[in-house]
């Protein structure tokens, strides 16, 4: 049921416009904030999870090889002294 009063109808139109404008401003502010965060984080050097896991696996393998070489060297030194 619509009002016959033009003042009320104009007020409702004004409020609808204000709500639409406010919603648009909110979306714009949110997008602007996201863009600023992307720009700020874009300058930082991040690695992906895959790169991190690959590097972690390489470090573990290198550590194992180092331990094996250390044990082999100790065995050879013991053999030379014995």
N, C-alpha and C. Protein backbone atom coordinates (compact mmCIF):
# COMPACT_ATOMS: atom_id res chain seq x y z
N UNK A 1 0.85 -1.17 0.00
CA UNK A 1 0.00 0.00 0.00
C UNK A 1 0.90 1.24 0.00
N UNK A 2 0.75 2.07 -1.01
CA UNK A 2 1.59 3.25 -1.13
C UNK A 2 0.85 4.47 -0.59
N UNK A 3 1.66 5.39 -0.09
CA UNK A 3 1.09 6.60 0.48
C UNK A 3 0.69 7.57 -0.64
N UNK A 4 -0.38 8.28 -0.45
CA UNK A 4 -0.82 9.30 -1.39
C UNK A 4 -0.11 10.63 -1.13
N UNK A 5 0.53 10.74 0.02
CA UNK A 5 1.18 11.99 0.40
C UNK A 5 2.51 12.12 -0.35
N UNK A 6 2.67 13.16 -1.18
CA UNK A 6 3.91 13.32 -1.95
C UNK A 6 5.13 13.60 -1.06
N UNK A 7 4.95 14.18 0.08
CA UNK A 7 6.07 14.47 0.99
C UNK A 7 6.64 13.15 1.50
N UNK A 8 5.75 12.25 1.89
CA UNK A 8 6.21 10.95 2.38
C UNK A 8 6.87 10.17 1.24
N UNK A 9 6.27 10.22 0.06
CA UNK A 9 6.85 9.51 -1.10
C UNK A 9 8.23 10.07 -1.42
N UNK A 10 8.39 11.39 -1.39
CA UNK A 10 9.70 12.00 -1.65
C UNK A 10 10.71 11.63 -0.56
N UNK A 11 10.23 11.58 0.68
CA UNK A 11 11.11 11.20 1.78
C UNK A 11 11.58 9.77 1.62
N UNK A 12 10.68 8.87 1.23
CA UNK A 12 11.04 7.47 1.02
C UNK A 12 12.05 7.35 -0.12
N UNK A 13 11.82 8.10 -1.20
CA UNK A 13 12.78 8.09 -2.32
C UNK A 13 14.14 8.60 -1.87
N UNK A 14 14.15 9.65 -1.07
CA UNK A 14 15.40 10.21 -0.56
C UNK A 14 16.12 9.19 0.32
N UNK A 15 15.40 8.51 1.18
CA UNK A 15 16.00 7.50 2.05
C UNK A 15 16.54 6.32 1.24
N UNK A 16 15.80 5.88 0.24
CA UNK A 16 16.28 4.80 -0.62
C UNK A 16 17.56 5.20 -1.34
N UNK A 17 17.58 6.44 -1.82
CA UNK A 17 18.80 6.93 -2.49
C UNK A 17 19.96 7.00 -1.51
N UNK A 18 19.69 7.47 -0.29
CA UNK A 18 20.74 7.58 0.72
C UNK A 18 21.29 6.20 1.08
N UNK A 19 20.41 5.23 1.22
CA UNK A 19 20.85 3.87 1.55
C UNK A 19 21.69 3.31 0.40
N UNK A 20 21.25 3.53 -0.82
CA UNK A 20 22.02 3.06 -1.98
C UNK A 20 23.39 3.72 -2.06
N UNK A 21 23.42 5.01 -1.80
CA UNK A 21 24.69 5.74 -1.81
C UNK A 21 25.61 5.23 -0.70
N UNK A 22 25.06 5.02 0.47
CA UNK A 22 25.85 4.52 1.59
C UNK A 22 26.39 3.13 1.29
N UNK A 23 25.57 2.27 0.69
CA UNK A 23 26.03 0.93 0.33
C UNK A 23 27.16 1.01 -0.69
N UNK A 24 27.02 1.91 -1.66
CA UNK A 24 28.07 2.09 -2.66
C UNK A 24 29.36 2.60 -2.04
N UNK A 25 29.24 3.52 -1.11
CA UNK A 25 30.43 4.04 -0.42
C UNK A 25 31.10 2.94 0.39
N UNK A 26 30.30 2.10 1.01
CA UNK A 26 30.84 1.00 1.80
C UNK A 26 31.61 0.03 0.91
N UNK A 27 31.02 -0.33 -0.24
CA UNK A 27 31.71 -1.22 -1.18
C UNK A 27 33.00 -0.60 -1.68
N UNK A 28 32.95 0.69 -2.01
CA UNK A 28 34.13 1.39 -2.50
C UNK A 28 35.23 1.42 -1.44
N UNK A 29 34.87 1.70 -0.20
CA UNK A 29 35.85 1.74 0.89
C UNK A 29 36.47 0.36 1.10
N UNK A 30 35.64 -0.68 1.04
CA UNK A 30 36.15 -2.04 1.22
C UNK A 30 37.12 -2.41 0.10
N UNK A 31 36.76 -2.11 -1.14
CA UNK A 31 37.63 -2.41 -2.27
C UNK A 31 38.93 -1.60 -2.20
N UNK A 32 38.82 -0.35 -1.81
CA UNK A 32 40.00 0.50 -1.67
C UNK A 32 40.94 -0.05 -0.59
N UNK A 33 40.36 -0.47 0.52
CA UNK A 33 41.17 -1.07 1.59
C UNK A 33 41.85 -2.34 1.13
N UNK A 34 41.13 -3.18 0.42
CA UNK A 34 41.74 -4.42 -0.09
C UNK A 34 42.88 -4.12 -1.04
N UNK A 35 42.68 -3.12 -1.91
CA UNK A 35 43.72 -2.76 -2.87
C UNK A 35 44.96 -2.24 -2.15
N UNK A 36 44.77 -1.45 -1.12
CA UNK A 36 45.92 -0.93 -0.36
C UNK A 36 46.67 -2.05 0.34
N UNK A 37 45.93 -3.01 0.86
CA UNK A 37 46.58 -4.16 1.51
C UNK A 37 47.36 -4.96 0.48
N UNK A 38 46.76 -5.19 -0.70
CA UNK A 38 47.48 -5.92 -1.75
C UNK A 38 48.76 -5.20 -2.15
N UNK A 39 48.68 -3.87 -2.27
CA UNK A 39 49.88 -3.08 -2.62
C UNK A 39 50.94 -3.19 -1.53
N UNK A 40 50.51 -3.11 -0.28
CA UNK A 40 51.46 -3.19 0.83
C UNK A 40 52.11 -4.56 0.89
N UNK A 41 51.33 -5.61 0.73
CA UNK A 41 51.87 -6.96 0.80
C UNK A 41 52.61 -7.35 -0.47
N UNK A 42 52.30 -6.68 -1.57
CA UNK A 42 52.97 -7.00 -2.83
C UNK A 42 54.46 -6.74 -2.79
N UNK A 43 54.89 -5.80 -1.99
CA UNK A 43 56.31 -5.49 -1.89
C UNK A 43 57.08 -6.45 -1.01
N UNK A 44 56.38 -7.27 -0.26
CA UNK A 44 57.04 -8.23 0.63
C UNK A 44 57.35 -9.51 -0.13
N UNK A 45 58.41 -10.15 0.26
CA UNK A 45 58.80 -11.40 -0.39
C UNK A 45 58.24 -12.58 0.39
N UNK A 46 57.17 -13.13 -0.10
CA UNK A 46 56.56 -14.31 0.50
C UNK A 46 56.86 -15.51 -0.38
N UNK A 47 56.94 -16.66 0.22
CA UNK A 47 57.11 -17.89 -0.55
C UNK A 47 55.82 -18.70 -0.43
N UNK A 48 55.58 -19.48 -1.46
CA UNK A 48 54.38 -20.31 -1.42
C UNK A 48 54.61 -21.50 -0.50
N UNK A 49 53.56 -22.16 -0.12
CA UNK A 49 53.64 -23.34 0.74
C UNK A 49 54.46 -24.42 0.04
N UNK A 50 54.28 -24.57 -1.28
CA UNK A 50 55.01 -25.59 -2.03
C UNK A 50 56.51 -25.31 -2.01
N UNK A 51 56.89 -24.04 -2.20
CA UNK A 51 58.31 -23.68 -2.16
C UNK A 51 58.89 -23.93 -0.77
N UNK A 52 58.14 -23.59 0.26
CA UNK A 52 58.60 -23.81 1.63
C UNK A 52 58.81 -25.29 1.90
N UNK A 53 57.83 -26.11 1.51
CA UNK A 53 57.94 -27.55 1.76
C UNK A 53 59.11 -28.15 0.97
N UNK A 54 59.34 -27.69 -0.26
CA UNK A 54 60.46 -28.19 -1.06
C UNK A 54 61.79 -27.83 -0.41
N UNK A 55 61.91 -26.61 0.06
CA UNK A 55 63.15 -26.18 0.73
C UNK A 55 63.35 -26.94 2.04
N UNK A 56 62.27 -27.18 2.76
CA UNK A 56 62.35 -27.93 4.00
C UNK A 56 62.83 -29.36 3.73
N UNK A 57 62.32 -29.97 2.66
CA UNK A 57 62.74 -31.33 2.31
C UNK A 57 64.21 -31.35 1.90
N UNK A 58 64.63 -30.34 1.15
CA UNK A 58 66.04 -30.27 0.74
C UNK A 58 66.95 -30.12 1.96
N UNK A 59 66.55 -29.31 2.93
CA UNK A 59 67.35 -29.11 4.13
C UNK A 59 67.43 -30.40 4.94
N UNK A 60 66.32 -31.14 5.04
CA UNK A 60 66.32 -32.41 5.77
C UNK A 60 67.25 -33.42 5.09
N UNK A 61 67.19 -33.47 3.75
CA UNK A 61 68.06 -34.39 3.02
C UNK A 61 69.53 -34.00 3.21
N UNK A 62 69.83 -32.72 3.15
CA UNK A 62 71.21 -32.27 3.35
C UNK A 62 71.69 -32.61 4.76
N UNK A 63 70.81 -32.46 5.74
CA UNK A 63 71.16 -32.79 7.12
C UNK A 63 71.47 -34.29 7.26
N UNK A 64 70.64 -35.14 6.62
CA UNK A 64 70.88 -36.58 6.66
C UNK A 64 72.20 -36.94 6.00
N UNK A 65 72.48 -36.32 4.85
CA UNK A 65 73.74 -36.59 4.16
C UNK A 65 74.93 -36.13 4.99
N UNK A 66 74.79 -35.01 5.66
CA UNK A 66 75.86 -34.51 6.51
C UNK A 66 76.13 -35.47 7.67
N UNK A 67 75.06 -35.96 8.28
CA UNK A 67 75.22 -36.92 9.37
C UNK A 67 75.88 -38.21 8.87
N UNK A 68 75.50 -38.68 7.68
CA UNK A 68 76.10 -39.90 7.13
C UNK A 68 77.59 -39.68 6.85
N UNK A 69 77.92 -38.53 6.27
CA UNK A 69 79.33 -38.23 5.99
C UNK A 69 80.13 -38.08 7.28
N UNK A 70 79.51 -37.50 8.29
CA UNK A 70 80.18 -37.35 9.58
C UNK A 70 80.49 -38.72 10.18
N UNK A 71 79.52 -39.62 10.13
CA UNK A 71 79.73 -40.97 10.66
C UNK A 71 80.81 -41.69 9.86
N UNK A 72 80.80 -41.52 8.56
CA UNK A 72 81.82 -42.17 7.70
C UNK A 72 83.21 -41.62 8.01
N UNK A 73 83.30 -40.30 8.20
CA UNK A 73 84.59 -39.69 8.52
C UNK A 73 85.09 -40.18 9.88
N UNK A 74 84.20 -40.26 10.85
CA UNK A 74 84.60 -40.75 12.16
C UNK A 74 85.08 -42.20 12.09
N UNK A 75 84.43 -43.01 11.27
CA UNK A 75 84.85 -44.41 11.11
C UNK A 75 86.23 -44.48 10.46
N UNK A 76 86.44 -43.65 9.44
CA UNK A 76 87.76 -43.64 8.79
C UNK A 76 88.85 -43.15 9.74
N UNK A 77 88.56 -42.14 10.52
CA UNK A 77 89.54 -41.64 11.49
C UNK A 77 89.84 -42.70 12.54
N UNK A 78 88.84 -43.39 13.00
CA UNK A 78 89.04 -44.46 13.98
C UNK A 78 89.89 -45.57 13.38
N UNK A 79 89.66 -45.88 12.12
CA UNK A 79 90.43 -46.92 11.44
C UNK A 79 91.90 -46.52 11.32
N UNK A 80 92.15 -45.23 11.01
CA UNK A 80 93.53 -44.77 10.89
C UNK A 80 94.25 -44.75 12.24
N UNK A 81 93.55 -44.49 13.29
CA UNK A 81 94.17 -44.42 14.62
C UNK A 81 94.31 -45.81 15.23
N UNK A 82 93.53 -46.73 14.75
CA UNK A 82 93.49 -48.04 15.38
C UNK A 82 94.39 -48.99 14.81
